[in-house]
N, C-alpha and C. Protein backbone atom coordinates (compact mmCIF):
# COMPACT_ATOMS: atom_id res chain seq x y z
N ASP A 1 13.97 118.20 80.22
CA ASP A 1 13.51 117.46 79.02
C ASP A 1 13.34 118.28 77.83
N ASP A 2 13.07 117.88 76.50
CA ASP A 2 13.02 118.83 75.40
C ASP A 2 12.05 119.94 75.53
N PHE A 3 10.87 119.64 76.08
CA PHE A 3 9.82 120.75 76.34
C PHE A 3 10.43 121.97 77.11
N MET A 4 10.89 121.56 78.29
CA MET A 4 11.53 122.52 79.11
C MET A 4 12.67 123.19 78.36
N ALA A 5 13.54 122.51 77.67
CA ALA A 5 14.59 123.29 77.05
C ALA A 5 13.98 124.20 75.98
N MET A 6 12.91 123.82 75.22
CA MET A 6 12.33 124.67 74.23
C MET A 6 12.20 126.06 74.96
N GLY A 7 11.53 126.15 76.24
CA GLY A 7 11.31 127.34 76.81
C GLY A 7 12.65 128.13 77.37
N VAL A 8 13.65 127.45 77.43
CA VAL A 8 15.02 127.92 77.81
C VAL A 8 15.52 128.60 76.55
N ILE A 9 15.37 128.04 75.42
CA ILE A 9 15.73 128.79 74.14
C ILE A 9 15.13 130.01 73.93
N ASN A 10 13.74 130.04 74.20
CA ASN A 10 12.89 131.15 74.05
C ASN A 10 13.38 132.33 75.07
N ALA A 11 13.60 131.82 76.39
CA ALA A 11 14.14 132.66 77.30
C ALA A 11 15.59 133.45 76.87
N VAL A 12 16.35 132.55 76.59
CA VAL A 12 17.63 133.11 76.00
C VAL A 12 17.56 134.11 74.98
N HIS A 13 16.60 133.85 73.92
CA HIS A 13 16.53 135.00 72.97
C HIS A 13 15.71 136.16 73.45
N ARG A 14 14.84 136.04 74.51
CA ARG A 14 14.22 137.21 75.05
C ARG A 14 15.21 138.04 75.87
N ALA A 15 16.09 137.44 76.35
CA ALA A 15 17.19 138.08 77.08
C ALA A 15 18.28 138.77 76.29
N GLY A 16 18.13 138.77 74.93
CA GLY A 16 19.00 139.25 73.98
C GLY A 16 20.34 138.37 73.78
N LEU A 17 20.21 137.28 74.13
CA LEU A 17 21.39 136.43 73.90
C LEU A 17 21.12 135.43 72.79
N ARG A 18 22.44 134.95 72.33
CA ARG A 18 22.15 133.91 71.02
C ARG A 18 22.50 132.64 71.48
N CYS A 19 21.81 131.83 70.86
CA CYS A 19 22.01 130.19 71.10
C CYS A 19 22.59 129.74 69.73
N PRO A 20 23.71 129.09 69.72
CA PRO A 20 24.63 128.74 70.61
C PRO A 20 25.84 129.66 70.94
N GLN A 21 25.75 130.69 70.26
CA GLN A 21 26.95 131.75 70.27
C GLN A 21 27.25 132.17 71.78
N ASP A 22 26.30 132.47 72.55
CA ASP A 22 26.49 132.92 74.02
C ASP A 22 25.93 131.82 74.91
N VAL A 23 25.07 130.84 74.58
CA VAL A 23 24.57 129.97 75.50
C VAL A 23 24.32 128.66 74.63
N GLY A 24 25.02 127.61 75.08
CA GLY A 24 24.70 126.29 74.39
C GLY A 24 23.90 125.49 75.19
N ILE A 25 22.79 124.92 74.47
CA ILE A 25 21.57 124.23 75.22
C ILE A 25 21.50 122.77 74.82
N VAL A 26 21.60 121.89 75.61
CA VAL A 26 21.51 120.32 75.38
C VAL A 26 20.41 119.86 76.29
N SER A 27 19.43 118.96 75.72
CA SER A 27 18.44 118.48 76.40
C SER A 27 18.41 117.05 76.68
N PHE A 28 17.26 116.40 76.99
CA PHE A 28 17.26 115.05 77.28
C PHE A 28 16.03 114.35 76.63
N ASN A 29 15.91 113.34 75.93
CA ASN A 29 14.71 112.70 75.37
C ASN A 29 14.72 112.57 73.90
N ASP A 30 15.37 113.47 73.13
CA ASP A 30 15.56 113.67 71.60
C ASP A 30 14.09 113.34 70.98
N SER A 31 13.07 114.11 71.45
CA SER A 31 11.73 114.03 70.91
C SER A 31 11.73 114.70 69.53
N ARG A 32 10.53 114.67 68.87
CA ARG A 32 10.31 115.33 67.55
C ARG A 32 10.28 116.98 67.83
N LEU A 33 10.17 117.49 69.10
CA LEU A 33 10.29 118.86 69.28
C LEU A 33 11.63 119.36 69.00
N CYS A 34 12.67 118.66 69.04
CA CYS A 34 13.97 119.14 68.81
C CYS A 34 14.06 119.76 67.48
N ASP A 35 13.50 119.32 66.53
CA ASP A 35 13.57 119.80 65.06
C ASP A 35 12.64 121.07 64.99
N LEU A 36 11.74 121.42 65.96
CA LEU A 36 10.81 122.55 65.85
C LEU A 36 11.30 123.78 66.32
N THR A 37 12.49 123.73 66.99
CA THR A 37 12.98 125.14 67.56
C THR A 37 13.96 125.52 66.57
N THR A 38 14.24 126.95 66.82
CA THR A 38 15.35 127.55 66.05
C THR A 38 16.22 128.16 66.98
N PRO A 39 17.58 127.63 67.17
CA PRO A 39 18.05 126.54 66.35
C PRO A 39 17.51 125.23 66.79
N GLY A 40 17.84 124.18 66.00
CA GLY A 40 17.41 122.83 66.42
C GLY A 40 18.07 122.54 67.71
N LEU A 41 17.35 121.78 68.57
CA LEU A 41 17.71 121.48 69.98
C LEU A 41 18.62 120.23 69.96
N SER A 42 19.87 120.32 70.50
CA SER A 42 20.68 119.23 70.66
C SER A 42 20.10 118.30 71.96
N SER A 43 20.19 117.10 71.89
CA SER A 43 19.37 116.31 72.81
C SER A 43 20.18 114.88 72.87
N VAL A 44 19.95 114.28 74.16
CA VAL A 44 20.51 112.90 74.47
C VAL A 44 19.28 111.97 74.14
N SER A 45 19.55 111.09 73.30
CA SER A 45 18.63 110.16 72.76
C SER A 45 18.90 108.61 73.52
N LEU A 46 17.84 108.40 74.26
CA LEU A 46 17.96 107.25 75.17
C LEU A 46 17.60 105.85 74.29
N ASN A 47 18.24 104.79 74.63
CA ASN A 47 17.92 103.46 74.04
C ASN A 47 16.69 102.92 74.93
N LEU A 48 15.63 103.35 74.60
CA LEU A 48 14.41 102.99 75.59
C LEU A 48 14.08 101.52 75.51
N ASP A 49 14.27 100.67 74.29
CA ASP A 49 14.06 99.33 74.34
C ASP A 49 15.11 98.71 75.22
N ARG A 50 16.46 98.95 75.29
CA ARG A 50 17.37 98.36 76.18
C ARG A 50 17.12 98.87 77.55
N LEU A 51 16.78 99.97 77.78
CA LEU A 51 16.36 100.54 79.21
C LEU A 51 15.26 99.67 79.89
N VAL A 52 14.14 99.44 79.02
CA VAL A 52 13.05 98.67 79.51
C VAL A 52 13.46 97.12 79.70
N GLN A 53 14.22 96.79 78.79
CA GLN A 53 14.65 95.31 78.99
C GLN A 53 15.56 95.24 80.28
N LYS A 54 16.41 95.96 80.52
CA LYS A 54 17.08 95.91 81.73
C LYS A 54 16.24 96.23 82.98
N ALA A 55 15.34 97.02 82.85
CA ALA A 55 14.41 97.18 84.03
C ALA A 55 13.62 96.05 84.34
N VAL A 56 12.93 95.36 83.33
CA VAL A 56 12.11 94.16 83.49
C VAL A 56 13.19 92.87 84.04
N THR A 57 14.37 92.94 83.48
CA THR A 57 15.11 91.90 84.04
C THR A 57 15.51 92.08 85.46
N CYS A 58 15.74 93.28 85.89
CA CYS A 58 15.99 93.57 87.26
C CYS A 58 14.64 93.14 88.19
N LEU A 59 13.67 93.46 87.67
CA LEU A 59 12.37 93.21 88.35
C LEU A 59 12.18 91.74 88.41
N LEU A 60 12.39 90.99 87.44
CA LEU A 60 12.18 89.54 87.53
C LEU A 60 13.15 88.79 88.47
N ASN A 61 14.49 89.37 88.41
CA ASN A 61 15.39 88.76 89.37
C ASN A 61 15.06 89.02 90.67
N LEU A 62 14.39 90.24 91.09
CA LEU A 62 14.02 90.50 92.52
C LEU A 62 12.93 89.57 92.85
N LEU A 63 12.09 89.11 91.95
CA LEU A 63 10.99 88.24 92.17
C LEU A 63 11.44 86.83 92.45
N ASP A 64 12.46 86.48 91.49
CA ASP A 64 13.21 85.11 91.72
C ASP A 64 14.04 84.81 92.90
N GLU A 65 14.56 85.95 93.52
CA GLU A 65 15.65 85.79 94.28
C GLU A 65 15.21 86.61 95.63
N SER A 66 15.97 86.30 96.79
CA SER A 66 15.79 87.14 97.93
C SER A 66 16.21 88.58 97.75
N PRO A 67 15.54 89.48 98.10
CA PRO A 67 16.06 90.98 98.02
C PRO A 67 17.37 91.18 98.62
N SER A 68 18.22 91.94 98.06
CA SER A 68 19.57 92.26 98.52
C SER A 68 19.46 93.76 98.77
N ASN A 69 20.35 94.05 99.97
CA ASN A 69 20.57 95.54 100.16
C ASN A 69 21.62 96.38 99.29
N GLU A 70 22.07 95.64 98.43
CA GLU A 70 23.03 96.23 97.40
C GLU A 70 22.30 96.68 96.18
N PRO A 71 22.76 97.92 95.90
CA PRO A 71 22.08 98.56 94.82
C PRO A 71 22.48 97.87 93.35
N VAL A 72 21.55 97.89 92.53
CA VAL A 72 21.85 97.33 91.25
C VAL A 72 22.15 98.43 90.24
N ARG A 73 23.34 98.15 89.56
CA ARG A 73 23.89 99.19 88.70
C ARG A 73 23.93 98.72 87.26
N GLU A 74 23.22 99.50 86.40
CA GLU A 74 23.20 99.09 85.08
C GLU A 74 23.49 100.25 84.18
N ILE A 75 24.26 99.99 82.94
CA ILE A 75 24.58 100.98 82.19
C ILE A 75 23.92 100.77 80.96
N VAL A 76 23.09 101.87 80.40
CA VAL A 76 22.46 101.84 79.27
C VAL A 76 23.03 102.94 78.24
N PRO A 77 23.45 102.51 77.21
CA PRO A 77 24.17 103.45 76.26
C PRO A 77 23.07 104.49 75.77
N CYS A 78 23.61 105.68 75.35
CA CYS A 78 22.69 106.67 74.82
C CYS A 78 23.62 107.31 73.85
N THR A 79 22.78 108.28 73.06
CA THR A 79 23.47 108.91 71.89
C THR A 79 23.22 110.32 72.19
N LEU A 80 24.29 111.15 71.79
CA LEU A 80 24.06 112.63 71.77
C LEU A 80 23.60 113.05 70.30
N ARG A 81 22.64 113.56 70.13
CA ARG A 81 22.17 114.30 68.82
C ARG A 81 22.43 115.47 68.76
N VAL A 82 23.37 115.99 68.04
CA VAL A 82 24.02 117.48 68.04
C VAL A 82 23.15 118.17 67.01
N ARG A 83 22.65 119.28 67.29
CA ARG A 83 21.90 120.22 66.47
C ARG A 83 22.38 121.58 66.70
N GLY A 84 21.60 122.56 66.17
CA GLY A 84 22.11 123.88 66.31
C GLY A 84 22.16 124.51 67.56
N SER A 85 21.60 124.03 68.68
CA SER A 85 21.55 124.74 69.96
C SER A 85 22.96 124.50 70.73
N SER A 86 23.75 123.68 70.10
CA SER A 86 25.08 123.63 70.76
C SER A 86 26.00 123.51 69.63
N ARG A 87 27.35 123.79 69.86
CA ARG A 87 28.28 123.75 68.81
C ARG A 87 29.57 123.35 69.34
N LEU A 88 30.37 122.87 68.61
CA LEU A 88 31.79 122.43 69.05
C LEU A 88 32.70 123.48 68.41
N ASN A 89 33.55 123.85 69.49
CA ASN A 89 34.78 124.72 68.92
C ASN A 89 35.94 124.08 69.46
N HIS A 90 37.12 124.77 69.14
CA HIS A 90 38.40 124.17 69.37
C HIS A 90 38.56 123.99 70.91
N GLY A 91 37.81 124.49 71.90
CA GLY A 91 37.91 124.32 73.18
C GLY A 91 36.90 123.31 73.79
N GLY A 92 36.09 122.86 72.82
CA GLY A 92 34.92 121.79 73.37
C GLY A 92 33.60 122.55 73.04
N MET A 93 32.64 122.27 73.83
CA MET A 93 31.46 122.70 73.66
C MET A 93 31.30 124.22 73.84
N ALA A 94 30.56 124.94 73.11
CA ALA A 94 30.32 126.42 73.32
C ALA A 94 29.06 126.76 73.68
């Protein structure tokens, strides 16, 4: 998550490495912490409203129907918020 990634950025700096030139870092949650690091932390932003909606729908379906042994697979789109901790180069992420 973002809090853990902040520690990784600090560890990278203490090791004498540069972010993103030497190590690219991308996190998960896209919290307000992402703008507090130097460089800013790239992070995956979840669509929490849609995620909760799908979870509640699955739970209600379980209550209305007899349980199945088949796993339920749902896809919830998310967005990558690119900030300074990762960068694109000609070969992709660096």
